[in-house]
Amino acid sequence: MKRSDSRLHMSWKPNPSSDLPLYRQIEAYVRQKITTGEWSAGYRLPSQRTWAESMGVNRSTLVTALDNLAAVGLLEGRHGGELIFPAPVGMAWLTEQRHPNGMKP
């Protein structure tokens, strides 16, 4: 498995002036990284605290986004709070907006 990459603590930050909630912006960003192949199966994310600080958001905002992504199978939690991307899934699944109950927004 790959370790978290310092490039993940990049300069991207959600736009607080956007009509889209911060957690949705984070979800879209992570989906985009997965669909472009920048982040692939087995890629480890940094700690939630570190990542939230680098984006300038409250940790609970990041947790909401990550929980939503985990609910649709885009992230997996591991022992010790580690988050990784599971085995690849179909691209159609990655690009659709889904809720945990399977309904679209």
C-alpha atoms as a PDB file:
ATOM      1  CA  MET A   1       0.000   0.000   0.000  1.00  0.00           C
ATOM      2  CA  LYS A   2       1.114   3.516  -0.680  1.00  0.00           C
ATOM      3  CA  ARG A   3       1.658   5.882   2.198  1.00  0.00           C
ATOM      4  CA  SER A   4      -0.062   9.233   2.295  1.00  0.00           C
ATOM      5  CA  ASP A   5       1.675  11.655   0.004  1.00  0.00           C
ATOM      6  CA  SER A   6       2.724  15.124   1.136  1.00  0.00           C
ATOM      7  CA  ARG A   7       1.302  16.442  -2.136  1.00  0.00           C
ATOM      8  CA  LEU A   8      -2.117  15.583  -0.697  1.00  0.00           C
ATOM      9  CA  HIS A   9      -1.631  18.519   1.661  1.00  0.00           C
ATOM     10  CA  MET A  10      -1.889  20.700  -1.390  1.00  0.00           C
ATOM     11  CA  SER A  11      -3.139  24.184  -1.871  1.00  0.00           C
ATOM     12  CA  TRP A  12      -6.683  23.193  -2.912  1.00  0.00           C
ATOM     13  CA  LYS A  13      -9.311  24.468  -0.527  1.00  0.00           C
ATOM     14  CA  PRO A  14     -13.086  24.515  -0.765  1.00  0.00           C
ATOM     15  CA  ASN A  15     -14.620  27.890  -1.616  1.00  0.00           C
ATOM     16  CA  PRO A  16     -16.589  29.245   1.359  1.00  0.00           C
ATOM     17  CA  SER A  17     -18.367  31.719  -0.970  1.00  0.00           C
ATOM     18  CA  SER A  18     -19.811  28.923  -3.121  1.00  0.00           C
ATOM     19  CA  ASP A  19     -23.482  27.958  -2.955  1.00  0.00           C
ATOM     20  CA  LEU A  20     -22.322  24.338  -2.692  1.00  0.00           C
ATOM     21  CA  PRO A  21     -21.723  23.301   0.942  1.00  0.00           C
ATOM     22  CA  LEU A  22     -18.075  22.777   1.901  1.00  0.00           C
ATOM     23  CA  TYR A  23     -18.518  19.066   2.507  1.00  0.00           C
ATOM     24  CA  ARG A  24     -20.024  18.633  -0.992  1.00  0.00           C
ATOM     25  CA  GLN A  25     -17.072  20.512  -2.508  1.00  0.00           C
ATOM     26  CA  ILE A  26     -14.708  18.132  -0.715  1.00  0.00           C
ATOM     27  CA  GLU A  27     -16.694  15.117  -1.933  1.00  0.00           C
ATOM     28  CA  ALA A  28     -16.531  16.405  -5.524  1.00  0.00           C
ATOM     29  CA  TYR A  29     -12.797  17.040  -5.202  1.00  0.00           C
ATOM     30  CA  VAL A  30     -12.096  13.521  -3.924  1.00  0.00           C
ATOM     31  CA  ARG A  31     -14.315  11.976  -6.633  1.00  0.00           C
ATOM     32  CA  GLN A  32     -12.424  13.967  -9.269  1.00  0.00           C
ATOM     33  CA  LYS A  33      -9.064  12.738  -7.939  1.00  0.00           C
ATOM     34  CA  ILE A  34     -10.301   9.153  -8.068  1.00  0.00           C
ATOM     35  CA  THR A  35     -11.866   9.362 -11.538  1.00  0.00           C
ATOM     36  CA  THR A  36      -8.757  10.957 -13.042  1.00  0.00           C
ATOM     37  CA  GLY A  37      -6.594   8.237 -11.515  1.00  0.00           C
ATOM     38  CA  GLU A  38      -4.502  10.608  -9.392  1.00  0.00           C
ATOM     39  CA  TRP A  39      -5.607   8.690  -6.313  1.00  0.00           C
ATOM     40  CA  SER A  40      -5.952   4.960  -6.855  1.00  0.00           C
ATOM     41  CA  ALA A  41      -6.809   1.819  -4.920  1.00  0.00           C
ATOM     42  CA  GLY A  42      -4.731   1.457  -1.791  1.00  0.00           C
ATOM     43  CA  TYR A  43      -3.856   5.152  -1.605  1.00  0.00           C
ATOM     44  CA  ARG A  44      -3.803   6.245   2.028  1.00  0.00           C
ATOM     45  CA  LEU A  45      -5.231   9.568   3.064  1.00  0.00           C
ATOM     46  CA  PRO A  46      -3.592  11.733   5.734  1.00  0.00           C
ATOM     47  CA  SER A  47      -5.133  12.048   9.167  1.00  0.00           C
ATOM     48  CA  GLN A  48      -8.442  13.865   9.238  1.00  0.00           C
ATOM     49  CA  ARG A  49      -7.058  16.550  11.520  1.00  0.00           C
ATOM     50  CA  THR A  50      -4.064  17.246   9.272  1.00  0.00           C
ATOM     51  CA  TRP A  51      -6.128  17.224   6.100  1.00  0.00           C
ATOM     52  CA  ALA A  52      -8.855  19.466   7.546  1.00  0.00           C
ATOM     53  CA  GLU A  53      -6.244  21.968   8.719  1.00  0.00           C
ATOM     54  CA  SER A  54      -4.597  22.028   5.291  1.00  0.00           C
ATOM     55  CA  MET A  55      -7.975  22.801   3.678  1.00  0.00           C
ATOM     56  CA  GLY A  56      -8.950  25.370   6.279  1.00  0.00           C
ATOM     57  CA  VAL A  57     -12.137  23.543   7.305  1.00  0.00           C
ATOM     58  CA  ASN A  58     -13.481  22.176  10.540  1.00  0.00           C
ATOM     59  CA  ARG A  59     -12.676  18.498  11.005  1.00  0.00           C
ATOM     60  CA  SER A  60     -16.409  17.706  11.264  1.00  0.00           C
ATOM     61  CA  THR A  61     -16.915  19.138   7.751  1.00  0.00           C
ATOM     62  CA  LEU A  62     -14.261  16.794   6.385  1.00  0.00           C
ATOM     63  CA  VAL A  63     -15.688  13.860   8.358  1.00  0.00           C
ATOM     64  CA  THR A  64     -19.120  14.466   6.815  1.00  0.00           C
ATOM     65  CA  ALA A  65     -17.633  14.366   3.305  1.00  0.00           C
ATOM     66  CA  LEU A  66     -15.562  11.263   4.048  1.00  0.00           C
ATOM     67  CA  ASP A  67     -18.508   9.481   5.681  1.00  0.00           C
ATOM     68  CA  ASN A  68     -20.642  10.171   2.601  1.00  0.00           C
ATOM     69  CA  LEU A  69     -17.905   8.819   0.322  1.00  0.00           C
ATOM     70  CA  ALA A  70     -17.472   5.744   2.522  1.00  0.00           C
ATOM     71  CA  ALA A  71     -21.236   5.128   2.472  1.00  0.00           C
ATOM     72  CA  VAL A  72     -21.134   4.719  -1.308  1.00  0.00           C
ATOM     73  CA  GLY A  73     -17.990   2.573  -1.242  1.00  0.00           C
ATOM     74  CA  LEU A  74     -15.399   5.107  -2.401  1.00  0.00           C
ATOM     75  CA  LEU A  75     -13.428   4.969   0.857  1.00  0.00           C
ATOM     76  CA  GLU A  76     -12.735   2.250   3.386  1.00  0.00           C
ATOM     77  CA  GLY A  77     -11.971   2.761   7.032  1.00  0.00           C
ATOM     78  CA  ARG A  78      -9.220   0.671   8.571  1.00  0.00           C
ATOM     79  CA  HIS A  79      -7.989   0.001  12.081  1.00  0.00           C
ATOM     80  CA  GLY A  80      -6.582   3.130  13.694  1.00  0.00           C
ATOM     81  CA  GLY A  81      -8.745   5.503  11.691  1.00  0.00           C
ATOM     82  CA  GLU A  82      -6.796   5.041   8.469  1.00  0.00           C
ATOM     83  CA  LEU A  83      -8.772   5.680   5.283  1.00  0.00           C
ATOM     84  CA  ILE A  84      -7.860   4.147   1.944  1.00  0.00           C
ATOM     85  CA  PHE A  85      -9.441   3.763  -1.470  1.00  0.00           C
ATOM     86  CA  PRO A  86     -10.760   0.230  -1.990  1.00  0.00           C
ATOM     87  CA  ALA A  87     -10.364  -1.839  -5.140  1.00  0.00           C
ATOM     88  CA  PRO A  88     -11.440  -0.048  -8.316  1.00  0.00           C
ATOM     89  CA  VAL A  89     -15.114   0.178  -9.156  1.00  0.00           C
ATOM     90  CA  GLY A  90     -16.843   1.097 -12.388  1.00  0.00           C
ATOM     91  CA  MET A  91     -16.375   4.689 -13.541  1.00  0.00           C
ATOM     92  CA  ALA A  92     -20.145   5.181 -13.855  1.00  0.00           C
ATOM     93  CA  TRP A  93     -20.476   4.454 -10.145  1.00  0.00           C
ATOM     94  CA  LEU A  94     -17.800   7.015  -9.281  1.00  0.00           C
ATOM     95  CA  THR A  95     -19.343   9.812 -11.279  1.00  0.00           C
ATOM     96  CA  GLU A  96     -22.950   9.392 -10.139  1.00  0.00           C
ATOM     97  CA  GLN A  97     -24.226  11.231  -7.107  1.00  0.00           C
ATOM     98  CA  ARG A  98     -25.709   8.635  -4.753  1.00  0.00           C
ATOM     99  CA  HIS A  99     -27.010   8.594  -1.239  1.00  0.00           C
ATOM    100  CA  PRO A 100     -26.479   5.668   1.143  1.00  0.00           C
ATOM    101  CA  ASN A 101     -30.079   4.544   0.553  1.00  0.00           C
ATOM    102  CA  GLY A 102     -29.449   4.437  -3.209  1.00  0.00           C
ATOM    103  CA  MET A 103     -31.558   7.465  -4.062  1.00  0.00           C
ATOM    104  CA  LYS A 104     -30.216  10.271  -6.182  1.00  0.00           C
ATOM    105  CA  PRO A 105     -30.356  13.841  -4.837  1.00  0.00           C
END
